[in-house]
C-alpha atoms as a PDB file:
ATOM      1  CA  UNK A   1     178.888 149.500  54.358  1.00  0.00           C
ATOM      2  CA  UNK A   2     181.598 146.754  53.699  1.00  0.00           C
ATOM      3  CA  UNK A   3     185.019 148.024  52.337  1.00  0.00           C
ATOM      4  CA  UNK A   4     186.500 145.078  50.382  1.00  0.00           C
ATOM      5  CA  UNK A   5     189.720 144.403  48.627  1.00  0.00           C
ATOM      6  CA  UNK A   6     189.593 142.103  45.943  1.00  0.00           C
ATOM      7  CA  UNK A   7     192.813 140.595  44.718  1.00  0.00           C
ATOM      8  CA  UNK A   8     192.763 139.270  41.057  1.00  0.00           C
ATOM      9  CA  UNK A   9     195.075 136.146  40.112  1.00  0.00           C
ATOM     10  CA  UNK A  10     196.656 135.849  36.933  1.00  0.00           C
ATOM     11  CA  UNK A  11     195.617 139.124  35.289  1.00  0.00           C
ATOM     12  CA  UNK A  12     197.932 141.458  32.785  1.00  0.00           C
ATOM     13  CA  UNK A  13     200.696 139.237  33.467  1.00  0.00           C
ATOM     14  CA  UNK A  14     203.088 138.704  30.885  1.00  0.00           C
ATOM     15  CA  UNK A  15     200.349 139.595  28.363  1.00  0.00           C
ATOM     16  CA  UNK A  16     197.646 136.958  29.332  1.00  0.00           C
ATOM     17  CA  UNK A  17     194.184 137.940  30.464  1.00  0.00           C
ATOM     18  CA  UNK A  18     194.472 141.585  29.521  1.00  0.00           C
ATOM     19  CA  UNK A  19     191.606 143.934  31.469  1.00  0.00           C
ATOM     20  CA  UNK A  20     191.812 147.594  31.367  1.00  0.00           C
ATOM     21  CA  UNK A  21     191.095 148.707  34.853  1.00  0.00           C
ATOM     22  CA  UNK A  22     188.564 151.107  33.221  1.00  0.00           C
ATOM     23  CA  UNK A  23     186.474 148.037  31.822  1.00  0.00           C
ATOM     24  CA  UNK A  24     186.796 146.215  35.076  1.00  0.00           C
ATOM     25  CA  UNK A  25     185.244 149.070  36.711  1.00  0.00           C
ATOM     26  CA  UNK A  26     182.449 149.625  34.507  1.00  0.00           C
ATOM     27  CA  UNK A  27     181.935 146.016  34.676  1.00  0.00           C
ATOM     28  CA  UNK A  28     181.455 145.858  38.375  1.00  0.00           C
ATOM     29  CA  UNK A  29     179.686 149.265  38.530  1.00  0.00           C
ATOM     30  CA  UNK A  30     177.462 147.260  36.045  1.00  0.00           C
ATOM     31  CA  UNK A  31     176.928 144.618  38.717  1.00  0.00           C
ATOM     32  CA  UNK A  32     175.357 146.957  41.547  1.00  0.00           C
ATOM     33  CA  UNK A  33     178.837 147.455  43.317  1.00  0.00           C
ATOM     34  CA  UNK A  34     179.392 150.582  44.771  1.00  0.00           C
ATOM     35  CA  UNK A  35     182.333 153.223  45.253  1.00  0.00           C
ATOM     36  CA  UNK A  36     184.868 150.906  42.900  1.00  0.00           C
ATOM     37  CA  UNK A  37     188.839 151.744  42.542  1.00  0.00           C
ATOM     38  CA  UNK A  38     191.783 149.583  41.254  1.00  0.00           C
ATOM     39  CA  UNK A  39     195.122 149.950  41.971  1.00  0.00           C
ATOM     40  CA  UNK A  40     197.516 149.371  39.150  1.00  0.00           C
ATOM     41  CA  UNK A  41     196.836 147.481  36.580  1.00  0.00           C
ATOM     42  CA  UNK A  42     197.808 143.699  38.318  1.00  0.00           C
ATOM     43  CA  UNK A  43     193.922 143.051  39.888  1.00  0.00           C
ATOM     44  CA  UNK A  44     193.600 145.195  42.974  1.00  0.00           C
ATOM     45  CA  UNK A  45     189.884 146.139  43.273  1.00  0.00           C
ATOM     46  CA  UNK A  46     188.248 148.090  46.477  1.00  0.00           C
ATOM     47  CA  UNK A  47     184.854 148.241  46.401  1.00  0.00           C
ATOM     48  CA  UNK A  48     181.992 148.903  48.999  1.00  0.00           C
ATOM     49  CA  UNK A  49     179.288 146.071  49.264  1.00  0.00           C
ATOM     50  CA  UNK A  50     176.459 145.065  51.899  1.00  0.00           C
ATOM     51  CA  UNK A  51     177.939 141.534  51.480  1.00  0.00           C
ATOM     52  CA  UNK A  52     179.338 140.135  54.613  1.00  0.00           C
ATOM     53  CA  UNK A  53     180.779 136.630  53.143  1.00  0.00           C
ATOM     54  CA  UNK A  54     184.024 136.945  51.753  1.00  0.00           C
ATOM     55  CA  UNK A  55     183.334 133.600  49.511  1.00  0.00           C
ATOM     56  CA  UNK A  56     180.401 135.317  47.920  1.00  0.00           C
ATOM     57  CA  UNK A  57     182.269 138.261  46.849  1.00  0.00           C
ATOM     58  CA  UNK A  58     185.412 136.728  45.569  1.00  0.00           C
ATOM     59  CA  UNK A  59     182.684 134.384  43.598  1.00  0.00           C
ATOM     60  CA  UNK A  60     180.908 137.494  42.211  1.00  0.00           C
ATOM     61  CA  UNK A  61     183.865 139.184  40.896  1.00  0.00           C
ATOM     62  CA  UNK A  62     185.150 136.406  39.111  1.00  0.00           C
ATOM     63  CA  UNK A  63     181.606 135.229  37.571  1.00  0.00           C
ATOM     64  CA  UNK A  64     181.641 139.178  36.513  1.00  0.00           C
ATOM     65  CA  UNK A  65     184.753 138.911  34.857  1.00  0.00           C
ATOM     66  CA  UNK A  66     184.234 135.439  33.044  1.00  0.00           C
ATOM     67  CA  UNK A  67     180.589 137.132  31.687  1.00  0.00           C
ATOM     68  CA  UNK A  68     182.476 140.218  30.307  1.00  0.00           C
ATOM     69  CA  UNK A  69     185.923 139.465  29.728  1.00  0.00           C
ATOM     70  CA  UNK A  70     185.395 135.241  29.273  1.00  0.00           C
ATOM     71  CA  UNK A  71     188.502 134.740  31.355  1.00  0.00           C
ATOM     72  CA  UNK A  72     188.790 132.226  34.290  1.00  0.00           C
ATOM     73  CA  UNK A  73     190.290 134.919  36.906  1.00  0.00           C
ATOM     74  CA  UNK A  74     190.637 133.509  40.603  1.00  0.00           C
ATOM     75  CA  UNK A  75     189.786 135.999  43.134  1.00  0.00           C
ATOM     76  CA  UNK A  76     190.441 136.324  47.050  1.00  0.00           C
ATOM     77  CA  UNK A  77     188.111 139.056  48.878  1.00  0.00           C
ATOM     78  CA  UNK A  78     189.492 140.512  52.043  1.00  0.00           C
ATOM     79  CA  UNK A  79     187.900 143.100  54.483  1.00  0.00           C
ATOM     80  CA  UNK A  80     189.922 146.321  54.066  1.00  0.00           C
ATOM     81  CA  UNK A  81     190.203 146.556  57.955  1.00  0.00           C
ATOM     82  CA  UNK A  82     191.373 142.856  57.722  1.00  0.00           C
ATOM     83  CA  UNK A  83     194.200 143.826  55.124  1.00  0.00           C
ATOM     84  CA  UNK A  84     195.086 146.452  57.437  1.00  0.00           C
ATOM     85  CA  UNK A  85     195.258 143.939  60.438  1.00  0.00           C
ATOM     86  CA  UNK A  86     197.540 141.448  58.237  1.00  0.00           C
ATOM     87  CA  UNK A  87     199.926 144.271  57.057  1.00  0.00           C
ATOM     88  CA  UNK A  88     200.623 145.138  61.087  1.00  0.00           C
ATOM     89  CA  UNK A  89     201.247 141.913  61.872  1.00  0.00           C
ATOM     90  CA  UNK A  90     204.221 140.890  59.669  1.00  0.00           C
ATOM     91  CA  UNK A  91     206.378 139.442  62.031  1.00  0.00           C
ATOM     92  CA  UNK A  92     209.496 140.134  59.958  1.00  0.00           C
ATOM     93  CA  UNK A  93     209.719 143.855  61.085  1.00  0.00           C
ATOM     94  CA  UNK A  94     211.906 142.844  63.795  1.00  0.00           C
ATOM     95  CA  UNK A  95     214.533 141.870  61.625  1.00  0.00           C
ATOM     96  CA  UNK A  96     217.642 144.227  62.273  1.00  0.00           C
ATOM     97  CA  UNK A  97     218.336 145.074  58.678  1.00  0.00           C
ATOM     98  CA  UNK A  98     214.630 144.577  57.171  1.00  0.00           C
ATOM     99  CA  UNK A  99     214.133 146.336  54.024  1.00  0.00           C
ATOM    100  CA  UNK A 100     210.566 146.534  52.965  1.00  0.00           C
ATOM    101  CA  UNK A 101     211.297 146.209  49.396  1.00  0.00           C
ATOM    102  CA  UNK A 102     211.690 142.552  49.649  1.00  0.00           C
ATOM    103  CA  UNK A 103     208.730 141.827  51.663  1.00  0.00           C
ATOM    104  CA  UNK A 104     205.967 139.953  49.853  1.00  0.00           C
ATOM    105  CA  UNK A 105     202.414 138.966  51.240  1.00  0.00           C
ATOM    106  CA  UNK A 106     201.202 135.817  49.708  1.00  0.00           C
ATOM    107  CA  UNK A 107     197.018 135.595  50.144  1.00  0.00           C
ATOM    108  CA  UNK A 108     195.612 132.289  50.540  1.00  0.00           C
ATOM    109  CA  UNK A 109     191.927 131.606  49.417  1.00  0.00           C
ATOM    110  CA  UNK A 110     191.402 130.158  52.496  1.00  0.00           C
ATOM    111  CA  UNK A 111     193.585 128.339  55.551  1.00  0.00           C
ATOM    112  CA  UNK A 112     195.602 125.446  54.526  1.00  0.00           C
ATOM    113  CA  UNK A 113     195.345 122.205  56.597  1.00  0.00           C
ATOM    114  CA  UNK A 114     197.660 121.956  59.572  1.00  0.00           C
ATOM    115  CA  UNK A 115     199.526 119.189  58.485  1.00  0.00           C
ATOM    116  CA  UNK A 116     200.593 120.758  55.300  1.00  0.00           C
ATOM    117  CA  UNK A 117     201.801 123.957  56.796  1.00  0.00           C
ATOM    118  CA  UNK A 118     203.859 121.570  59.451  1.00  0.00           C
ATOM    119  CA  UNK A 119     205.456 120.214  56.563  1.00  0.00           C
ATOM    120  CA  UNK A 120     206.617 123.207  54.681  1.00  0.00           C
ATOM    121  CA  UNK A 121     207.643 124.480  58.048  1.00  0.00           C
ATOM    122  CA  UNK A 122     210.432 122.313  58.128  1.00  0.00           C
ATOM    123  CA  UNK A 123     212.083 123.275  54.747  1.00  0.00           C
ATOM    124  CA  UNK A 124     214.554 126.186  54.896  1.00  0.00           C
ATOM    125  CA  UNK A 125     215.479 128.382  51.947  1.00  0.00           C
ATOM    126  CA  UNK A 126     218.232 130.690  53.462  1.00  0.00           C
ATOM    127  CA  UNK A 127     218.502 133.641  52.809  1.00  0.00           C
ATOM    128  CA  UNK A 128     214.851 133.495  52.301  1.00  0.00           C
ATOM    129  CA  UNK A 129     212.086 133.240  54.900  1.00  0.00           C
ATOM    130  CA  UNK A 130     208.767 132.661  55.253  1.00  0.00           C
ATOM    131  CA  UNK A 131     205.941 132.555  58.063  1.00  0.00           C
ATOM    132  CA  UNK A 132     202.207 130.975  57.984  1.00  0.00           C
ATOM    133  CA  UNK A 133     199.607 133.075  59.607  1.00  0.00           C
ATOM    134  CA  UNK A 134     195.877 131.956  59.075  1.00  0.00           C
ATOM    135  CA  UNK A 135     195.654 132.580  55.087  1.00  0.00           C
ATOM    136  CA  UNK A 136     198.578 134.820  55.018  1.00  0.00           C
ATOM    137  CA  UNK A 137     201.937 133.869  53.828  1.00  0.00           C
ATOM    138  CA  UNK A 138     204.739 136.591  54.796  1.00  0.00           C
ATOM    139  CA  UNK A 139     207.813 136.249  52.634  1.00  0.00           C
ATOM    140  CA  UNK A 140     210.858 138.094  52.665  1.00  0.00           C
ATOM    141  CA  UNK A 141     213.634 137.489  50.146  1.00  0.00           C
ATOM    142  CA  UNK A 142     216.656 139.471  50.771  1.00  0.00           C
ATOM    143  CA  UNK A 143     218.079 138.811  47.185  1.00  0.00           C
ATOM    144  CA  UNK A 144     214.287 139.715  45.465  1.00  0.00           C
ATOM    145  CA  UNK A 145     211.176 137.649  44.747  1.00  0.00           C
ATOM    146  CA  UNK A 146     212.464 137.183  40.984  1.00  0.00           C
ATOM    147  CA  UNK A 147     215.242 134.637  42.565  1.00  0.00           C
ATOM    148  CA  UNK A 148     213.091 132.946  45.024  1.00  0.00           C
ATOM    149  CA  UNK A 149     212.077 129.325  45.220  1.00  0.00           C
ATOM    150  CA  UNK A 150     209.289 130.145  47.683  1.00  0.00           C
ATOM    151  CA  UNK A 151     207.045 131.860  45.219  1.00  0.00           C
ATOM    152  CA  UNK A 152     202.982 132.098  44.654  1.00  0.00           C
ATOM    153  CA  UNK A 153     203.557 128.732  42.717  1.00  0.00           C
ATOM    154  CA  UNK A 154     205.408 126.876  45.284  1.00  0.00           C
ATOM    155  CA  UNK A 155     203.032 127.806  48.180  1.00  0.00           C
ATOM    156  CA  UNK A 156     199.758 126.678  45.904  1.00  0.00           C
ATOM    157  CA  UNK A 157     201.543 123.680  45.252  1.00  0.00           C
ATOM    158  CA  UNK A 158     202.753 122.903  48.963  1.00  0.00           C
ATOM    159  CA  UNK A 159     199.559 124.444  50.606  1.00  0.00           C
ATOM    160  CA  UNK A 160     197.278 123.076  48.313  1.00  0.00           C
ATOM    161  CA  UNK A 161     194.859 126.267  48.567  1.00  0.00           C
ATOM    162  CA  UNK A 162     194.789 129.068  45.604  1.00  0.00           C
ATOM    163  CA  UNK A 163     196.954 132.139  46.123  1.00  0.00           C
ATOM    164  CA  UNK A 164     198.231 135.627  44.938  1.00  0.00           C
ATOM    165  CA  UNK A 165     200.917 137.414  45.876  1.00  0.00           C
ATOM    166  CA  UNK A 166     201.669 141.329  46.855  1.00  0.00           C
ATOM    167  CA  UNK A 167     204.767 143.411  47.538  1.00  0.00           C
ATOM    168  CA  UNK A 168     204.367 144.767  50.934  1.00  0.00           C
ATOM    169  CA  UNK A 169     204.090 148.515  48.976  1.00  0.00           C
ATOM    170  CA  UNK A 170     201.120 147.713  46.985  1.00  0.00           C
ATOM    171  CA  UNK A 171     199.363 145.873  50.288  1.00  0.00           C
ATOM    172  CA  UNK A 172     199.797 148.593  52.341  1.00  0.00           C
ATOM    173  CA  UNK A 173     198.534 150.944  49.480  1.00  0.00           C
ATOM    174  CA  UNK A 174     195.830 148.974  49.360  1.00  0.00           C
ATOM    175  CA  UNK A 175     194.922 149.472  53.441  1.00  0.00           C
ATOM    176  CA  UNK A 176     194.370 153.287  52.921  1.00  0.00           C
ATOM    177  CA  UNK A 177     192.403 153.452  49.218  1.00  0.00           C
END
């Protein structure tokens, strides 16, 4: 069995795509998934499955949500052990006055094209900084995520890849649920 973390994009935000986690858990259970847990209302799901392909897992969860709740909700599936590695690989832990309250990780549906990564890495948004590593973008915003220009929409637009962002506290919690 593989332990999967599925990050949903755009549910229970600003009154849109409202899904109760208990109803979502039931829909996933009815579809044969095992040991389902959710974390907070913003679309973090943990479950076990024999499936080994993240695209199959993402598609399955999106299809279940479409069928049961009639919402088109993109999903990104990551093995829990890979999420732990992403969390531990944070390049900003070494900043002298690092405050985890201002740390976020944007998860990308797939690795962007190298040309797009190179183009975006030339941009500067100080004091906000970011680092793209494979299919994760580490984002540090010392003035707060609500004030930064390097948000989820920015990365989707510039990299041409669907994304969803979580704060570091949520990521770390998901690593051990």
